[in-house]
Amino acid sequence: MKRTSLLLLFSCIAAFYSCELSAQKKYELYSVGFYNLENLFDTIHDKGKNDFEYLPEGTNKWGTMKYRSKLKNMATVLNEMSTDMLPMGMAAVGVSEIENSRVLADLVSHEVLAHRGWSFVHIEGPDARGVDCGLLYNPKLFTPVASKLVPYLTEDNDSTYKTRGFLTVSGDMAGERVHIIVNHWPSRYAKSPARERAGVLVKAVKDSLLDAEPASKVIIMGDMNDDPDDKSMAKCLGAVRKQQQLKRSTDLYNPWWNILRNNGLGTLKYRGKWNLFDQIVVSAGLVGKDRSTLKYYKPEIFTRSYMLQQEGKYKGSPKRTHASGVWLNGYSDHLPVIIYLIKERK
């Protein structure tokens, strides 16, 4: 084999996998993802929350059998994410539409997923329905050192407006400080300014993190309820389409822009058209060819045939839990997304 040929080889080395890109250099590869779990509720009422449709006597008749099936379906997807490249699976996965810590504890301990040895971070938020964000992680690959829930605040600090905050988890990956901000921005029922405000707030969180630790890396992920080129993402958050547009160390790169607009791929369908609301954005410190430090490698929309409708009007769309009041025993109305990070092994 010529020395100039490119060889990509993955092997398990202690708590990580390395890839050999040439005869001289070896690289560690890590995967970080996000998945909207579409209403992962347990069967118990949480006081003060409007979770009544997900109770045994509620609209969805959400009993033990349905809850266990939902857990198994979510665990199946999470267990398989990134395993085409990394048999050890994900280093960290942000999740949204989870009711509480109980469902995350049930999820990571499920027989399908328990062998991964995952832990989680969750902070109860103010959402009226009770849905929050969380972060699942493999302690062998990511070590949290601090976490907080940054509240969503309107410009006039309207205390009556309560929605999901921004779960911010700081930790160590590949020997470097990495901050992960997990988001679930206001839905499409709210007007665009509500999501634009979220973009402004998350940008401020990112700036404060990098101001305190300039050498650290920031990963912003979530269901933004907007596409990459919508104002909330492109202008308010400031996530650019091309790596060449990065000018400052605090700038953000969004690899999903071209996936949607050039390739026509997305994570959810509405009236037969793909949107890409689920995104993972990285700070400029994660971009570049110098792989002596952790760097962004490539993105992936994760899918398997069982996650999609196989027939009928919605063939090819994500197979969701319910549709028109009918329990489909599906997975989610969103597909998960992954980015791979790479670092030269010393």
Protein backbone atom coordinates (compact mmCIF):
# COMPACT_ATOMS: atom_id res chain seq x y z
CA MET A 1 0.00 0.00 0.00
CA LYS A 2 1.31 3.43 -0.92
CA ARG A 3 2.16 5.73 1.98
CA THR A 4 -0.12 8.38 0.47
CA SER A 5 -3.19 6.15 0.44
CA LEU A 6 -5.90 6.83 2.99
CA LEU A 7 -6.73 4.11 5.49
CA LEU A 8 -9.58 4.49 7.97
CA LEU A 9 -9.35 1.87 10.69
CA PHE A 10 -11.26 1.79 13.95
CA SER A 11 -10.15 -0.23 16.95
CA CYS A 12 -11.12 -0.25 20.60
CA ILE A 13 -8.41 1.25 22.80
CA ALA A 14 -9.43 1.23 26.48
CA ALA A 15 -12.34 3.74 26.79
CA PHE A 16 -12.22 5.10 23.26
CA TYR A 17 -11.85 4.12 19.64
CA SER A 18 -8.97 5.26 17.49
CA CYS A 19 -8.88 5.62 13.75
CA GLU A 20 -5.70 5.36 11.75
CA LEU A 21 -5.67 7.76 8.82
CA SER A 22 -2.10 7.00 7.78
CA ALA A 23 0.77 4.74 8.79
CA GLN A 24 2.16 7.53 10.96
CA LYS A 25 -0.85 9.02 12.77
CA LYS A 26 -3.68 7.62 14.81
CA TYR A 27 -6.84 9.44 15.79
CA GLU A 28 -9.50 9.12 18.45
CA LEU A 29 -13.07 9.46 17.24
CA TYR A 30 -16.05 10.55 19.37
CA SER A 31 -19.75 10.88 18.56
CA VAL A 32 -22.12 13.47 20.00
CA GLY A 33 -25.80 13.54 19.13
CA PHE A 34 -29.29 14.88 19.75
CA TYR A 35 -32.68 13.16 19.69
CA ASN A 36 -36.18 14.53 20.29
CA LEU A 37 -37.82 11.58 22.06
CA GLU A 38 -41.36 12.80 21.30
CA ASN A 39 -43.18 12.81 24.60
CA LEU A 40 -41.33 10.33 26.77
CA PHE A 41 -43.77 10.48 29.69
CA ASP A 42 -44.17 8.02 32.52
CA THR A 43 -47.62 7.01 33.81
CA ILE A 44 -47.51 9.07 37.02
CA HIS A 45 -48.93 12.57 37.39
CA ASP A 46 -46.35 15.26 38.20
CA LYS A 47 -47.95 17.82 40.48
CA GLY A 48 -48.38 21.20 38.81
CA LYS A 49 -47.79 19.84 35.30
CA ASN A 50 -50.33 19.40 32.50
CA ASP A 51 -49.38 15.79 31.78
CA PHE A 52 -52.93 14.40 31.94
CA GLU A 53 -53.04 13.09 28.36
CA TYR A 54 -50.12 10.80 29.27
CA LEU A 55 -51.83 9.04 32.17
CA PRO A 56 -53.67 5.69 32.09
CA GLU A 57 -57.03 7.47 32.17
CA GLY A 58 -55.91 10.26 29.81
CA THR A 59 -56.56 10.85 26.13
CA ASN A 60 -53.71 8.58 25.05
CA LYS A 61 -54.57 5.81 27.55
CA TRP A 62 -50.92 5.90 28.55
CA GLY A 63 -50.53 2.78 30.65
CA THR A 64 -47.62 0.54 31.62
CA MET A 65 -47.58 -1.42 28.37
CA LYS A 66 -47.33 1.67 26.18
CA TYR A 67 -44.72 3.26 28.44
CA ARG A 68 -42.54 0.15 28.38
CA SER A 69 -42.85 -0.07 24.61
CA LYS A 70 -41.84 3.58 24.28
CA LEU A 71 -38.80 3.01 26.50
CA LYS A 72 -37.74 0.00 24.45
CA ASN A 73 -38.11 1.91 21.18
CA MET A 74 -36.10 4.88 22.42
CA ALA A 75 -33.43 2.61 23.92
CA THR A 76 -33.14 0.72 20.64
CA VAL A 77 -32.39 3.84 18.63
CA LEU A 78 -30.01 5.32 21.21
CA ASN A 79 -28.14 2.03 21.49
CA GLU A 80 -27.55 1.90 17.73
CA MET A 81 -26.64 5.54 17.14
CA SER A 82 -23.14 5.92 15.61
CA THR A 83 -22.37 2.19 15.83
CA ASP A 84 -21.76 1.99 12.09
CA MET A 85 -18.51 3.81 12.85
CA LEU A 86 -18.07 3.33 16.61
CA PRO A 87 -19.16 0.05 18.19
CA MET A 88 -18.89 1.66 21.63
CA GLY A 89 -21.64 4.10 20.66
CA MET A 90 -22.24 7.67 21.69
CA ALA A 91 -20.12 9.81 24.00
CA ALA A 92 -23.08 12.12 24.72
CA VAL A 93 -26.65 12.55 23.47
CA GLY A 94 -28.86 15.53 24.20
CA VAL A 95 -32.57 14.66 24.42
CA SER A 96 -35.77 16.69 24.50
CA GLU A 97 -39.44 16.05 25.32
CA ILE A 98 -38.62 14.01 28.41
CA GLU A 99 -40.90 14.40 31.43
CA ASN A 100 -38.52 14.04 34.36
CA SER A 101 -35.52 12.26 35.85
CA ARG A 102 -37.57 9.10 36.37
CA VAL A 103 -37.97 8.47 32.66
CA LEU A 104 -34.25 9.01 32.06
CA ALA A 105 -33.37 6.60 34.86
CA ASP A 106 -35.75 4.03 33.35
CA LEU A 107 -34.26 4.65 29.91
CA VAL A 108 -30.55 4.23 30.71
CA SER A 109 -31.30 1.15 32.84
CA HIS A 110 -33.43 -0.51 30.16
CA GLU A 111 -32.16 -3.95 29.17
CA VAL A 112 -31.48 -2.76 25.62
CA LEU A 113 -29.29 0.13 26.78
CA ALA A 114 -27.98 -0.80 30.23
CA HIS A 115 -24.79 -2.43 28.91
CA ARG A 116 -23.62 1.01 27.72
CA GLY A 117 -23.26 2.17 31.33
CA TRP A 118 -24.71 5.61 30.57
CA SER A 119 -25.54 8.31 33.11
CA PHE A 120 -27.59 11.46 32.63
CA VAL A 121 -28.00 15.12 33.58
CA HIS A 122 -31.46 16.58 34.07
CA ILE A 123 -32.71 19.75 35.76
CA GLU A 124 -36.45 20.24 36.20
CA GLY A 125 -37.73 23.17 34.15
CA PRO A 126 -40.83 25.40 34.11
CA ASP A 127 -42.58 24.05 31.01
CA ALA A 128 -46.33 23.78 31.60
CA ARG A 129 -46.61 20.31 30.08
CA GLY A 130 -43.57 19.20 32.03
CA VAL A 131 -41.28 18.38 29.10
CA ASP A 132 -37.59 19.11 29.62
CA CYS A 133 -34.21 18.54 28.04
CA GLY A 134 -31.58 16.15 29.32
CA LEU A 135 -28.12 14.91 28.49
CA LEU A 136 -27.23 11.22 28.36
CA TYR A 137 -23.53 10.43 28.41
CA ASN A 138 -20.97 7.65 28.61
CA PRO A 139 -18.79 8.40 31.67
CA LYS A 140 -15.83 6.71 29.96
CA LEU A 141 -15.94 9.30 27.18
CA PHE A 142 -17.43 12.45 28.74
CA THR A 143 -17.12 13.62 32.34
CA PRO A 144 -19.50 16.40 33.45
CA VAL A 145 -18.08 18.85 35.99
CA ALA A 146 -20.89 21.44 36.14
CA SER A 147 -24.45 21.90 34.91
CA LYS A 148 -27.14 24.58 35.03
CA LEU A 149 -30.47 25.40 33.45
CA VAL A 150 -30.33 28.88 31.94
CA PRO A 151 -33.89 30.25 31.86
CA TYR A 152 -35.65 31.54 28.79
CA LEU A 153 -36.40 35.21 29.47
CA THR A 154 -38.49 37.49 27.29
CA GLU A 155 -37.14 40.93 26.47
CA ASP A 156 -39.49 42.50 29.01
CA ASN A 157 -38.92 39.68 31.55
CA ASP A 158 -42.55 38.61 31.37
CA SER A 159 -42.82 36.19 34.30
CA THR A 160 -46.02 34.67 32.92
CA TYR A 161 -44.21 33.28 29.86
CA LYS A 162 -42.74 29.94 30.86
CA THR A 163 -40.97 27.65 28.45
CA ARG A 164 -38.00 25.36 28.34
CA GLY A 165 -34.63 26.76 29.36
CA PHE A 166 -31.20 25.88 28.02
CA LEU A 167 -29.51 22.93 29.73
CA THR A 168 -25.80 23.74 29.89
CA VAL A 169 -23.39 20.96 30.82
CA SER A 170 -19.64 21.56 31.08
CA GLY A 171 -17.29 18.61 31.11
CA ASP A 172 -14.18 16.94 29.79
CA MET A 173 -13.89 15.02 26.55
CA ALA A 174 -10.61 13.83 25.05
CA GLY A 175 -8.79 15.73 27.78
CA GLU A 176 -10.41 19.04 26.80
CA ARG A 177 -13.12 21.24 28.28
CA VAL A 178 -16.33 20.97 26.26
CA HIS A 179 -19.58 22.82 26.98
CA ILE A 180 -22.80 21.25 25.67
CA ILE A 181 -25.95 23.38 25.50
CA VAL A 182 -29.14 21.32 24.96
CA ASN A 183 -32.12 23.21 23.53
CA HIS A 184 -35.80 22.83 22.72
CA TRP A 185 -36.88 26.20 21.37
CA PRO A 186 -40.49 27.49 21.30
CA SER A 187 -42.70 25.56 18.92
CA ARG A 188 -44.10 26.67 15.59
CA TYR A 189 -47.32 27.61 17.39
CA ALA A 190 -45.30 30.55 18.71
CA LYS A 191 -44.28 33.21 16.21
CA SER A 192 -40.73 33.52 14.89
CA PRO A 193 -39.65 36.24 17.37
CA ALA A 194 -39.97 33.72 20.22
CA ARG A 195 -37.31 31.52 18.60
CA GLU A 196 -35.26 34.55 17.58
CA ARG A 197 -35.16 35.47 21.26
CA ALA A 198 -33.92 31.97 22.04
CA GLY A 199 -31.12 32.45 19.52
CA VAL A 200 -30.06 35.70 21.18
CA LEU A 201 -30.08 34.12 24.64
CA VAL A 202 -28.10 31.02 23.64
CA LYS A 203 -25.54 33.18 21.85
CA ALA A 204 -25.07 35.09 25.11
CA VAL A 205 -24.60 31.82 27.02
CA LYS A 206 -22.03 30.67 24.48
CA ASP A 207 -20.16 33.98 24.64
CA SER A 208 -20.02 33.89 28.44
CA LEU A 209 -18.65 30.34 28.43
CA LEU A 210 -15.92 31.19 25.94
CA ASP A 211 -15.12 34.44 27.71
CA ALA A 212 -14.50 32.50 30.93
CA GLU A 213 -12.59 29.68 29.21
CA PRO A 214 -11.28 30.86 25.80
CA ALA A 215 -9.61 27.52 25.00
CA SER A 216 -12.79 25.52 25.60
CA LYS A 217 -15.15 24.19 22.91
CA VAL A 218 -18.92 24.74 22.69
CA ILE A 219 -21.49 22.39 21.16
CA ILE A 220 -25.03 23.76 20.77
CA MET A 221 -27.66 21.14 19.99
CA GLY A 222 -31.38 20.71 20.01
CA ASP A 223 -34.76 20.89 18.38
CA MET A 224 -34.72 24.52 17.32
CA ASN A 225 -38.13 24.40 15.60
CA ASP A 226 -36.45 26.36 12.80
CA ASP A 227 -34.28 25.42 9.84
CA PRO A 228 -30.58 26.39 9.62
CA ASP A 229 -31.27 29.39 7.37
CA ASP A 230 -34.12 30.80 9.47
CA LYS A 231 -33.42 34.08 11.24
CA SER A 232 -33.23 32.56 14.72
CA MET A 233 -30.33 30.30 13.70
CA ALA A 234 -28.54 32.27 10.98
CA LYS A 235 -28.79 35.78 12.42
CA CYS A 236 -29.69 35.67 16.10
CA LEU A 237 -27.56 32.69 17.06
CA GLY A 238 -25.12 33.54 14.28
CA ALA A 239 -24.39 30.01 13.01
CA VAL A 240 -22.79 30.32 9.56
CA ARG A 241 -23.11 28.06 6.53
CA LYS A 242 -19.44 27.81 5.50
CA GLN A 243 -16.35 27.20 7.58
CA GLN A 244 -14.61 29.96 5.62
CA GLN A 245 -17.07 32.45 7.15
CA LEU A 246 -15.64 31.90 10.64
CA LYS A 247 -13.74 35.05 11.62
CA ARG A 248 -13.54 34.93 15.43
CA SER A 249 -12.94 32.18 17.95
CA THR A 250 -16.46 32.74 19.28
CA ASP A 251 -18.15 32.27 15.88
CA LEU A 252 -20.37 29.24 15.20
CA TYR A 253 -20.48 26.78 12.30
CA ASN A 254 -23.68 24.96 11.27
CA PRO A 255 -22.99 21.87 9.10
CA TRP A 256 -26.69 21.12 8.58
CA TRP A 257 -27.38 24.09 6.32
CA ASN A 258 -26.03 22.38 3.20
CA ILE A 259 -27.53 19.02 4.14
CA LEU A 260 -31.00 20.55 3.97
CA ARG A 261 -30.61 23.02 1.11
CA ASN A 262 -28.15 21.13 -1.12
CA ASN A 263 -29.15 17.54 -0.39
CA GLY A 264 -32.81 17.97 0.53
CA LEU A 265 -32.48 15.88 3.70
CA GLY A 266 -34.09 16.60 7.04
CA THR A 267 -35.18 15.24 10.40
CA LEU A 268 -38.96 15.67 10.26
CA LYS A 269 -41.60 15.98 7.57
CA TYR A 270 -44.49 18.41 7.35
CA ARG A 271 -46.95 18.08 4.47
CA GLY A 272 -44.48 15.94 2.58
CA LYS A 273 -41.58 18.37 2.90
CA TRP A 274 -38.45 17.81 4.98
CA ASN A 275 -37.41 20.27 7.64
CA LEU A 276 -34.18 20.11 9.59
CA PHE A 277 -35.10 21.47 13.02
CA ASP A 278 -32.71 19.15 14.86
CA GLN A 279 -29.22 20.58 14.62
CA ILE A 280 -25.80 20.49 16.27
CA VAL A 281 -23.72 23.65 15.95
CA VAL A 282 -20.05 23.95 16.95
CA SER A 283 -17.83 26.83 17.99
CA ALA A 284 -14.92 27.88 15.80
CA GLY A 285 -12.43 26.14 18.09
CA LEU A 286 -13.84 22.81 16.91
CA VAL A 287 -13.30 23.65 13.24
CA GLY A 288 -10.08 23.31 11.28
CA LYS A 289 -7.43 20.90 10.07
CA ASP A 290 -5.23 20.97 13.16
CA ARG A 291 -6.29 17.76 14.84
CA SER A 292 -3.85 18.02 17.71
CA THR A 293 -6.96 19.26 19.52
CA LEU A 294 -10.53 18.03 19.28
CA LYS A 295 -12.10 18.94 15.92
CA TYR A 296 -15.39 18.52 14.07
CA TYR A 297 -15.17 15.66 11.56
CA LYS A 298 -18.56 15.07 9.90
CA PRO A 299 -22.37 15.07 10.48
CA GLU A 300 -24.97 12.34 10.14
CA ILE A 301 -28.75 12.09 10.22
CA PHE A 302 -29.23 8.71 11.87
CA THR A 303 -31.94 6.50 10.46
CA ARG A 304 -32.99 2.88 10.22
CA SER A 305 -35.86 1.46 8.19
CA TYR A 306 -37.81 0.57 11.34
CA MET A 307 -37.85 4.26 12.31
CA LEU A 308 -39.81 5.17 9.17
CA GLN A 309 -43.36 4.61 7.95
CA GLN A 310 -43.19 1.75 5.45
CA GLU A 311 -46.50 2.26 3.68
CA GLY A 312 -49.47 4.55 3.22
CA LYS A 313 -49.81 8.30 2.89
CA TYR A 314 -46.85 9.02 5.16
CA LYS A 315 -44.46 6.42 3.75
CA GLY A 316 -40.87 7.53 4.33
CA SER A 317 -41.75 9.86 7.21
CA PRO A 318 -40.53 9.21 10.76
CA LYS A 319 -42.80 6.70 12.48
CA ARG A 320 -44.18 8.51 15.49
CA THR A 321 -45.76 7.26 18.71
CA HIS A 322 -49.29 8.49 17.91
CA ALA A 323 -50.98 9.78 14.77
CA SER A 324 -54.55 11.10 14.64
CA GLY A 325 -55.21 9.64 18.06
CA VAL A 326 -54.03 6.16 17.06
CA TRP A 327 -51.13 4.50 18.89
CA LEU A 328 -48.60 3.39 16.27
CA ASN A 329 -46.00 2.03 18.70
CA GLY A 330 -43.51 4.13 16.78
CA TYR A 331 -40.36 5.96 17.74
CA SER A 332 -40.44 9.72 17.25
CA ASP A 333 -41.66 12.29 14.78
CA HIS A 334 -38.01 13.44 14.59
CA LEU A 335 -34.87 11.66 13.42
CA PRO A 336 -31.74 11.98 15.57
CA VAL A 337 -28.60 13.79 14.44
CA ILE A 338 -24.94 13.07 15.15
CA ILE A 339 -21.63 14.84 14.73
CA TYR A 340 -18.30 13.05 14.88
CA LEU A 341 -15.30 14.67 16.54
CA ILE A 342 -11.71 13.67 15.90
CA LYS A 343 -8.40 14.17 17.68
CA GLU A 344 -4.87 13.00 16.97
CA ARG A 345 -3.79 10.34 19.42
CA LYS A 346 -0.50 11.13 21.09
